[in-house]
Amino acid sequence: MSKDDMFNVIFRTKPAKMLIELRNSKSEIYASSLAKAIDCTYSHVVKILQEMNKAGLVNFEKHGRLKLLTLTNKGAEVADHLIAVESILQ
């Protein structure tokens, strides 16, 4: 079983990848660019982001018509743990 297969067994793939992508992002990131990065539909990403926002993992900052995504401290901590688990599975 590959590391990706095991990771998928343990965690839901898209939300975990979203948090990791946000954590590793070196520049501003929006829902549309996040959707492309994790190969997911925009509507699915927005739905997951809304749930993550309710859980206190991500924040939305309005920039004109766009919403910039940022991790909260809690979201960054969860992402760090996901990255650690992913590296252990390698």
PDB file of N, CA and C in Angstrom:
ATOM      1  N   MET A   1       0.850  -1.178   0.000  1.00  0.00           N
ATOM      2  CA  MET A   1       0.000   0.000   0.000  1.00  0.00           C
ATOM      3  C   MET A   1       0.895   1.241   0.000  1.00  0.00           C
ATOM      4  N   SER A   2       0.618   2.185  -0.903  1.00  0.00           N
ATOM      5  CA  SER A   2       1.434   3.400  -0.995  1.00  0.00           C
ATOM      6  C   SER A   2       1.123   4.354   0.156  1.00  0.00           C
ATOM      7  N   LYS A   3       1.999   5.334   0.350  1.00  0.00           N
ATOM      8  CA  LYS A   3       1.785   6.311   1.426  1.00  0.00           C
ATOM      9  C   LYS A   3       0.494   7.078   1.202  1.00  0.00           C
ATOM     10  N   ASP A   4       0.172   7.402  -0.061  1.00  0.00           N
ATOM     11  CA  ASP A   4      -1.076   8.109  -0.354  1.00  0.00           C
ATOM     12  C   ASP A   4      -2.283   7.248  -0.030  1.00  0.00           C
ATOM     13  N   ASP A   5      -2.207   5.955  -0.324  1.00  0.00           N
ATOM     14  CA  ASP A   5      -3.318   5.055  -0.017  1.00  0.00           C
ATOM     15  C   ASP A   5      -3.566   5.003   1.494  1.00  0.00           C
ATOM     16  N   MET A   6      -2.508   4.892   2.276  1.00  0.00           N
ATOM     17  CA  MET A   6      -2.648   4.825   3.725  1.00  0.00           C
ATOM     18  C   MET A   6      -3.175   6.150   4.269  1.00  0.00           C
ATOM     19  N   PHE A   7      -2.661   7.257   3.747  1.00  0.00           N
ATOM     20  CA  PHE A   7      -3.125   8.578   4.170  1.00  0.00           C
ATOM     21  C   PHE A   7      -4.625   8.714   3.907  1.00  0.00           C
ATOM     22  N   ASN A   8      -5.081   8.221   2.757  1.00  0.00           N
ATOM     23  CA  ASN A   8      -6.501   8.276   2.408  1.00  0.00           C
ATOM     24  C   ASN A   8      -7.346   7.411   3.330  1.00  0.00           C
ATOM     25  N   VAL A   9      -6.782   6.329   3.795  1.00  0.00           N
ATOM     26  CA  VAL A   9      -7.495   5.458   4.719  1.00  0.00           C
ATOM     27  C   VAL A   9      -7.692   6.165   6.057  1.00  0.00           C
ATOM     28  N   ILE A  10      -6.663   6.864   6.512  1.00  0.00           N
ATOM     29  CA  ILE A  10      -6.698   7.483   7.832  1.00  0.00           C
ATOM     30  C   ILE A  10      -7.470   8.802   7.841  1.00  0.00           C
ATOM     31  N   PHE A  11      -7.310   9.596   6.804  1.00  0.00           N
ATOM     32  CA  PHE A  11      -7.930  10.922   6.741  1.00  0.00           C
ATOM     33  C   PHE A  11      -8.704  11.093   5.444  1.00  0.00           C
ATOM     34  N   ARG A  12      -9.718  11.944   5.479  1.00  0.00           N
ATOM     35  CA  ARG A  12     -10.391  12.319   4.242  1.00  0.00           C
ATOM     36  C   ARG A  12      -9.399  13.132   3.421  1.00  0.00           C
ATOM     37  N   THR A  13      -9.209  12.737   2.208  1.00  0.00           N
ATOM     38  CA  THR A  13      -8.132  13.270   1.388  1.00  0.00           C
ATOM     39  C   THR A  13      -8.225  14.765   1.127  1.00  0.00           C
ATOM     40  N   LYS A  14      -9.332  15.228   0.592  1.00  0.00           N
ATOM     41  CA  LYS A  14      -9.419  16.622   0.152  1.00  0.00           C
ATOM     42  C   LYS A  14      -9.274  17.621   1.301  1.00  0.00           C
ATOM     43  N   PRO A  15      -9.993  17.472   2.412  1.00  0.00           N
ATOM     44  CA  PRO A  15      -9.793  18.435   3.504  1.00  0.00           C
ATOM     45  C   PRO A  15      -8.364  18.438   4.049  1.00  0.00           C
ATOM     46  N   ALA A  16      -7.770  17.257   4.168  1.00  0.00           N
ATOM     47  CA  ALA A  16      -6.387  17.184   4.666  1.00  0.00           C
ATOM     48  C   ALA A  16      -5.444  17.870   3.695  1.00  0.00           C
ATOM     49  N   LYS A  17      -5.619  17.608   2.403  1.00  0.00           N
ATOM     50  CA  LYS A  17      -4.757  18.243   1.406  1.00  0.00           C
ATOM     51  C   LYS A  17      -4.959  19.752   1.379  1.00  0.00           C
ATOM     52  N   MET A  18      -6.187  20.208   1.624  1.00  0.00           N
ATOM     53  CA  MET A  18      -6.454  21.638   1.655  1.00  0.00           C
ATOM     54  C   MET A  18      -5.665  22.304   2.782  1.00  0.00           C
ATOM     55  N   LEU A  19      -5.713  21.720   3.963  1.00  0.00           N
ATOM     56  CA  LEU A  19      -4.976  22.289   5.100  1.00  0.00           C
ATOM     57  C   LEU A  19      -3.474  22.287   4.846  1.00  0.00           C
ATOM     58  N   ILE A  20      -2.968  21.196   4.296  1.00  0.00           N
ATOM     59  CA  ILE A  20      -1.537  21.100   4.002  1.00  0.00           C
ATOM     60  C   ILE A  20      -1.141  22.121   2.943  1.00  0.00           C
ATOM     61  N   GLU A  21      -1.946  22.270   1.917  1.00  0.00           N
ATOM     62  CA  GLU A  21      -1.665  23.235   0.852  1.00  0.00           C
ATOM     63  C   GLU A  21      -1.666  24.662   1.408  1.00  0.00           C
ATOM     64  N   LEU A  22      -2.636  24.973   2.253  1.00  0.00           N
ATOM     65  CA  LEU A  22      -2.675  26.301   2.878  1.00  0.00           C
ATOM     66  C   LEU A  22      -1.445  26.528   3.747  1.00  0.00           C
ATOM     67  N   ARG A  23      -1.035  25.511   4.476  1.00  0.00           N
ATOM     68  CA  ARG A  23       0.135  25.628   5.362  1.00  0.00           C
ATOM     69  C   ARG A  23       1.411  25.832   4.557  1.00  0.00           C
ATOM     70  N   ASN A  24       1.534  25.136   3.434  1.00  0.00           N
ATOM     71  CA  ASN A  24       2.757  25.188   2.632  1.00  0.00           C
ATOM     72  C   ASN A  24       2.784  26.352   1.645  1.00  0.00           C
ATOM     73  N   SER A  25       1.694  27.065   1.508  1.00  0.00           N
ATOM     74  CA  SER A  25       1.599  28.147   0.531  1.00  0.00           C
ATOM     75  C   SER A  25       2.578  29.270   0.874  1.00  0.00           C
ATOM     76  N   LYS A  26       3.324  29.693  -0.127  1.00  0.00           N
ATOM     77  CA  LYS A  26       4.296  30.776   0.048  1.00  0.00           C
ATOM     78  C   LYS A  26       3.702  32.128  -0.338  1.00  0.00           C
ATOM     79  N   SER A  27       2.512  32.118  -0.947  1.00  0.00           N
ATOM     80  CA  SER A  27       1.888  33.367  -1.375  1.00  0.00           C
ATOM     81  C   SER A  27       0.410  33.344  -1.017  1.00  0.00           C
ATOM     82  N   GLU A  28      -0.282  34.418  -1.365  1.00  0.00           N
ATOM     83  CA  GLU A  28      -1.711  34.493  -1.091  1.00  0.00           C
ATOM     84  C   GLU A  28      -2.429  33.377  -1.839  1.00  0.00           C
ATOM     85  N   ILE A  29      -3.452  32.830  -1.218  1.00  0.00           N
ATOM     86  CA  ILE A  29      -4.185  31.736  -1.841  1.00  0.00           C
ATOM     87  C   ILE A  29      -5.688  31.972  -1.698  1.00  0.00           C
ATOM     88  N   TYR A  30      -6.383  31.689  -2.772  1.00  0.00           N
ATOM     89  CA  TYR A  30      -7.826  31.858  -2.841  1.00  0.00           C
ATOM     90  C   TYR A  30      -8.464  30.500  -3.098  1.00  0.00           C
ATOM     91  N   ALA A  31      -9.763  30.404  -2.906  1.00  0.00           N
ATOM     92  CA  ALA A  31     -10.468  29.130  -3.076  1.00  0.00           C
ATOM     93  C   ALA A  31     -10.252  28.555  -4.474  1.00  0.00           C
ATOM     94  N   SER A  32     -10.284  29.399  -5.491  1.00  0.00           N
ATOM     95  CA  SER A  32     -10.122  28.898  -6.866  1.00  0.00           C
ATOM     96  C   SER A  32      -8.739  28.300  -7.081  1.00  0.00           C
ATOM     97  N   SER A  33      -7.699  28.960  -6.561  1.00  0.00           N
ATOM     98  CA  SER A  33      -6.349  28.411  -6.726  1.00  0.00           C
ATOM     99  C   SER A  33      -6.146  27.171  -5.864  1.00  0.00           C
ATOM    100  N   LEU A  34      -6.789  27.137  -4.712  1.00  0.00           N
ATOM    101  CA  LEU A  34      -6.723  25.952  -3.853  1.00  0.00           C
ATOM    102  C   LEU A  34      -7.387  24.759  -4.534  1.00  0.00           C
ATOM    103  N   ALA A  35      -8.520  25.002  -5.182  1.00  0.00           N
ATOM    104  CA  ALA A  35      -9.227  23.935  -5.898  1.00  0.00           C
ATOM    105  C   ALA A  35      -8.339  23.337  -6.983  1.00  0.00           C
ATOM    106  N   LYS A  36      -7.638  24.178  -7.723  1.00  0.00           N
ATOM    107  CA  LYS A  36      -6.735  23.690  -8.773  1.00  0.00           C
ATOM    108  C   LYS A  36      -5.579  22.904  -8.170  1.00  0.00           C
ATOM    109  N   ALA A  37      -5.038  23.401  -7.076  1.00  0.00           N
ATOM    110  CA  ALA A  37      -3.868  22.768  -6.460  1.00  0.00           C
ATOM    111  C   ALA A  37      -4.159  21.362  -5.954  1.00  0.00           C
ATOM    112  N   ILE A  38      -5.387  21.126  -5.478  1.00  0.00           N
ATOM    113  CA  ILE A  38      -5.707  19.800  -4.932  1.00  0.00           C
ATOM    114  C   ILE A  38      -6.598  18.988  -5.863  1.00  0.00           C
ATOM    115  N   ASP A  39      -6.811  19.510  -7.082  1.00  0.00           N
ATOM    116  CA  ASP A  39      -7.609  18.817  -8.100  1.00  0.00           C
ATOM    117  C   ASP A  39      -9.013  18.518  -7.584  1.00  0.00           C
ATOM    118  N   CYS A  40      -9.729  19.576  -7.263  1.00  0.00           N
ATOM    119  CA  CYS A  40     -11.067  19.473  -6.701  1.00  0.00           C
ATOM    120  C   CYS A  40     -11.933  20.580  -7.303  1.00  0.00           C
ATOM    121  N   THR A  41     -13.228  20.399  -7.299  1.00  0.00           N
ATOM    122  CA  THR A  41     -14.104  21.436  -7.829  1.00  0.00           C
ATOM    123  C   THR A  41     -14.155  22.624  -6.874  1.00  0.00           C
ATOM    124  N   TYR A  42     -14.372  23.785  -7.447  1.00  0.00           N
ATOM    125  CA  TYR A  42     -14.461  25.011  -6.659  1.00  0.00           C
ATOM    126  C   TYR A  42     -15.583  24.911  -5.627  1.00  0.00           C
ATOM    127  N   SER A  43     -16.740  24.405  -6.041  1.00  0.00           N
ATOM    128  CA  SER A  43     -17.883  24.339  -5.123  1.00  0.00           C
ATOM    129  C   SER A  43     -17.608  23.407  -3.944  1.00  0.00           C
ATOM    130  N   HIS A  44     -16.920  22.304  -4.194  1.00  0.00           N
ATOM    131  CA  HIS A  44     -16.573  21.379  -3.111  1.00  0.00           C
ATOM    132  C   HIS A  44     -15.593  22.044  -2.146  1.00  0.00           C
ATOM    133  N   VAL A  45     -14.611  22.750  -2.682  1.00  0.00           N
ATOM    134  CA  VAL A  45     -13.631  23.444  -1.846  1.00  0.00           C
ATOM    135  C   VAL A  45     -14.323  24.475  -0.966  1.00  0.00           C
ATOM    136  N   VAL A  46     -15.229  25.251  -1.538  1.00  0.00           N
ATOM    137  CA  VAL A  46     -15.926  26.286  -0.774  1.00  0.00           C
ATOM    138  C   VAL A  46     -16.753  25.654   0.345  1.00  0.00           C
ATOM    139  N   LYS A  47     -17.424  24.550   0.047  1.00  0.00           N
ATOM    140  CA  LYS A  47     -18.227  23.859   1.058  1.00  0.00           C
ATOM    141  C   LYS A  47     -17.347  23.395   2.223  1.00  0.00           C
ATOM    142  N   ILE A  48     -16.212  22.797   1.911  1.00  0.00           N
ATOM    143  CA  ILE A  48     -15.292  22.323   2.951  1.00  0.00           C
ATOM    144  C   ILE A  48     -14.714  23.505   3.730  1.00  0.00           C
ATOM    145  N   LEU A  49     -14.358  24.575   3.020  1.00  0.00           N
ATOM    146  CA  LEU A  49     -13.798  25.760   3.682  1.00  0.00           C
ATOM    147  C   LEU A  49     -14.791  26.386   4.648  1.00  0.00           C
ATOM    148  N   GLN A  50     -16.058  26.391   4.286  1.00  0.00           N
ATOM    149  CA  GLN A  50     -17.076  26.934   5.189  1.00  0.00           C
ATOM    150  C   GLN A  50     -17.139  26.122   6.479  1.00  0.00           C
ATOM    151  N   GLU A  51     -17.041  24.796   6.368  1.00  0.00           N
ATOM    152  CA  GLU A  51     -17.028  23.938   7.554  1.00  0.00           C
ATOM    153  C   GLU A  51     -15.756  24.170   8.374  1.00  0.00           C
ATOM    154  N   MET A  52     -14.630  24.334   7.692  1.00  0.00           N
ATOM    155  CA  MET A  52     -13.374  24.593   8.395  1.00  0.00           C
ATOM    156  C   MET A  52     -13.413  25.944   9.091  1.00  0.00           C
ATOM    157  N   ASN A  53     -14.088  26.909   8.490  1.00  0.00           N
ATOM    158  CA  ASN A  53     -14.242  28.223   9.104  1.00  0.00           C
ATOM    159  C   ASN A  53     -15.072  28.115  10.376  1.00  0.00           C
ATOM    160  N   LYS A  54     -16.157  27.352  10.327  1.00  0.00           N
ATOM    161  CA  LYS A  54     -16.994  27.134  11.512  1.00  0.00           C
ATOM    162  C   LYS A  54     -16.218  26.444  12.628  1.00  0.00           C
ATOM    163  N   ALA A  55     -15.285  25.566  12.236  1.00  0.00           N
ATOM    164  CA  ALA A  55     -14.478  24.829  13.212  1.00  0.00           C
ATOM    165  C   ALA A  55     -13.285  25.645  13.704  1.00  0.00           C
ATOM    166  N   GLY A  56     -13.110  26.847  13.172  1.00  0.00           N
ATOM    167  CA  GLY A  56     -12.017  27.699  13.613  1.00  0.00           C
ATOM    168  C   GLY A  56     -10.665  27.350  13.027  1.00  0.00           C
ATOM    169  N   LEU A  57     -10.662  26.718  11.853  1.00  0.00           N
ATOM    170  CA  LEU A  57      -9.398  26.321  11.227  1.00  0.00           C
ATOM    171  C   LEU A  57      -8.909  27.313  10.181  1.00  0.00           C
ATOM    172  N   VAL A  58      -9.837  27.989   9.488  1.00  0.00           N
ATOM    173  CA  VAL A  58      -9.466  28.947   8.447  1.00  0.00           C
ATOM    174  C   VAL A  58     -10.243  30.252   8.622  1.00  0.00           C
ATOM    175  N   ASN A  59      -9.660  31.296   8.083  1.00  0.00           N
ATOM    176  CA  ASN A  59     -10.310  32.606   8.039  1.00  0.00           C
ATOM    177  C   ASN A  59     -10.420  33.052   6.589  1.00  0.00           C
ATOM    178  N   PHE A  60     -11.424  33.854   6.311  1.00  0.00           N
ATOM    179  CA  PHE A  60     -11.596  34.479   5.009  1.00  0.00           C
ATOM    180  C   PHE A  60     -11.361  35.974   5.180  1.00  0.00           C
ATOM    181  N   GLU A  61     -10.548  36.561   4.307  1.00  0.00           N
ATOM    182  CA  GLU A  61     -10.334  38.003   4.308  1.00  0.00           C
ATOM    183  C   GLU A  61     -10.760  38.530   2.947  1.00  0.00           C
ATOM    184  N   LYS A  62     -11.710  39.452   2.936  1.00  0.00           N
ATOM    185  CA  LYS A  62     -12.197  40.021   1.683  1.00  0.00           C
ATOM    186  C   LYS A  62     -11.129  40.905   1.048  1.00  0.00           C
ATOM    187  N   HIS A  63     -10.840  40.665  -0.222  1.00  0.00           N
ATOM    188  CA  HIS A  63      -9.962  41.497  -1.045  1.00  0.00           C
ATOM    189  C   HIS A  63     -10.722  41.800  -2.320  1.00  0.00           C
ATOM    190  N   GLY A  64     -11.542  42.848  -2.284  1.00  0.00           N
ATOM    191  CA  GLY A  64     -12.404  43.136  -3.423  1.00  0.00           C
ATOM    192  C   GLY A  64     -13.457  42.052  -3.544  1.00  0.00           C
ATOM    193  N   ARG A  65     -13.521  41.431  -4.715  1.00  0.00           N
ATOM    194  CA  ARG A  65     -14.479  40.345  -4.933  1.00  0.00           C
ATOM    195  C   ARG A  65     -13.952  39.002  -4.428  1.00  0.00           C
ATOM    196  N   LEU A  66     -12.669  38.932  -4.165  1.00  0.00           N
ATOM    197  CA  LEU A  66     -12.049  37.667  -3.770  1.00  0.00           C
ATOM    198  C   LEU A  66     -11.903  37.568  -2.256  1.00  0.00           C
ATOM    199  N   LYS A  67     -11.838  36.330  -1.782  1.00  0.00           N
ATOM    200  CA  LYS A  67     -11.606  36.076  -0.357  1.00  0.00           C
ATOM    201  C   LYS A  67     -10.270  35.361  -0.209  1.00  0.00           C
ATOM    202  N   LEU A  68      -9.348  36.024   0.464  1.00  0.00           N
ATOM    203  CA  LEU A  68      -8.047  35.439   0.755  1.00  0.00           C
ATOM    204  C   LEU A  68      -8.215  34.442   1.895  1.00  0.00           C
ATOM    205  N   LEU A  69      -7.590  33.287   1.760  1.00  0.00           N
ATOM    206  CA  LEU A  69      -7.674  32.239   2.783  1.00  0.00           C
ATOM    207  C   LEU A  69      -6.435  32.273   3.669  1.00  0.00           C
ATOM    208  N   THR A  70      -6.657  32.180   4.961  1.00  0.00           N
ATOM    209  CA  THR A  70      -5.550  32.074   5.908  1.00  0.00           C
ATOM    210  C   THR A  70      -5.913  31.030   6.962  1.00  0.00           C
ATOM    211  N   LEU A  71      -4.891  30.362   7.453  1.00  0.00           N
ATOM    212  CA  LEU A  71      -5.096  29.417   8.544  1.00  0.00           C
ATOM    213  C   LEU A  71      -5.104  30.160   9.873  1.00  0.00           C
ATOM    214  N   THR A  72      -5.939  29.721  10.767  1.00  0.00           N
ATOM    215  CA  THR A  72      -5.880  30.215  12.142  1.00  0.00           C
ATOM    216  C   THR A  72      -4.732  29.486  12.833  1.00  0.00           C
ATOM    217  N   ASN A  73      -4.425  29.862  14.054  1.00  0.00           N
ATOM    218  CA  ASN A  73      -3.392  29.131  14.807  1.00  0.00           C
ATOM    219  C   ASN A  73      -3.781  27.666  14.958  1.00  0.00           C
ATOM    220  N   LYS A  74      -5.055  27.426  15.236  1.00  0.00           N
ATOM    221  CA  LYS A  74      -5.557  26.052  15.374  1.00  0.00           C
ATOM    222  C   LYS A  74      -5.414  25.306  14.048  1.00  0.00           C
ATOM    223  N   GLY A  75      -5.756  25.956  12.942  1.00  0.00           N
ATOM    224  CA  GLY A  75      -5.640  25.341  11.620  1.00  0.00           C
ATOM    225  C   GLY A  75      -4.206  25.015  11.273  1.00  0.00           C
ATOM    226  N   ALA A  76      -3.290  25.921  11.620  1.00  0.00           N
ATOM    227  CA  ALA A  76      -1.869  25.682  11.360  1.00  0.00           C
ATOM    228  C   ALA A  76      -1.363  24.497  12.176  1.00  0.00           C
ATOM    229  N   GLU A  77      -1.829  24.388  13.414  1.00  0.00           N
ATOM    230  CA  GLU A  77      -1.419  23.267  14.261  1.00  0.00           C
ATOM    231  C   GLU A  77      -1.927  21.938  13.693  1.00  0.00           C
ATOM    232  N   VAL A  78      -3.176  21.914  13.252  1.00  0.00           N
ATOM    233  CA  VAL A  78      -3.732  20.695  12.648  1.00  0.00           C
ATOM    234  C   VAL A  78      -2.952  20.349  11.383  1.00  0.00           C
ATOM    235  N   ALA A  79      -2.671  21.348  10.556  1.00  0.00           N
ATOM    236  CA  ALA A  79      -1.915  21.106   9.319  1.00  0.00           C
ATOM    237  C   ALA A  79      -0.528  20.550   9.633  1.00  0.00           C
ATOM    238  N   ASP A  80       0.120  21.096  10.643  1.00  0.00           N
ATOM    239  CA  ASP A  80       1.446  20.595  11.038  1.00  0.00           C
ATOM    240  C   ASP A  80       1.383  19.123  11.440  1.00  0.00           C
ATOM    241  N   HIS A  81       0.341  18.750  12.155  1.00  0.00           N
ATOM    242  CA  HIS A  81       0.183  17.348  12.552  1.00  0.00           C
ATOM    243  C   HIS A  81      -0.090  16.461  11.343  1.00  0.00           C
ATOM    244  N   LEU A  82      -0.881  16.947  10.406  1.00  0.00           N
ATOM    245  CA  LEU A  82      -1.148  16.179   9.185  1.00  0.00           C
ATOM    246  C   LEU A  82       0.138  15.969   8.396  1.00  0.00           C
ATOM    247  N   ILE A  83       0.953  17.012   8.313  1.00  0.00           N
ATOM    248  CA  ILE A  83       2.240  16.911   7.613  1.00  0.00           C
ATOM    249  C   ILE A  83       3.134  15.896   8.314  1.00  0.00           C
ATOM    250  N   ALA A  84       3.125  15.910   9.625  1.00  0.00           N
ATOM    251  CA  ALA A  84       3.942  14.949  10.395  1.00  0.00           C
ATOM    252  C   ALA A  84       3.478  13.522  10.142  1.00  0.00           C
ATOM    253  N   VAL A  85       2.171  13.299  10.157  1.00  0.00           N
ATOM    254  CA  VAL A  85       1.633  11.954   9.909  1.00  0.00           C
ATOM    255  C   VAL A  85       1.983  11.516   8.485  1.00  0.00           C
ATOM    256  N   GLU A  86       1.852  12.420   7.533  1.00  0.00           N
ATOM    257  CA  GLU A  86       2.178  12.090   6.145  1.00  0.00           C
ATOM    258  C   GLU A  86       3.644  11.678   6.021  1.00  0.00           C
ATOM    259  N   SER A  87       4.536  12.383   6.722  1.00  0.00           N
ATOM    260  CA  SER A  87       5.967  12.046   6.632  1.00  0.00           C
ATOM    261  C   SER A  87       6.264  10.702   7.307  1.00  0.00           C
ATOM    262  N   ILE A  88       5.548  10.369   8.365  1.00  0.00           N
ATOM    263  CA  ILE A  88       5.742   9.077   9.035  1.00  0.00           C
ATOM    264  C   ILE A  88       5.334   7.929   8.095  1.00  0.00           C
ATOM    265  N   LEU A  89       4.291   8.165   7.287  1.00  0.00           N
ATOM    266  CA  LEU A  89       3.799   7.125   6.391  1.00  0.00           C
ATOM    267  C   LEU A  89       4.673   6.901   5.169  1.00  0.00           C
ATOM    268  N   GLN A  90       5.643   7.764   4.951  1.00  0.00           N
ATOM    269  CA  GLN A  90       6.506   7.630   3.769  1.00  0.00           C
ATOM    270  C   GLN A  90       7.439   6.469   3.895  1.00  0.00           C
TER     271      GLN A  90
END
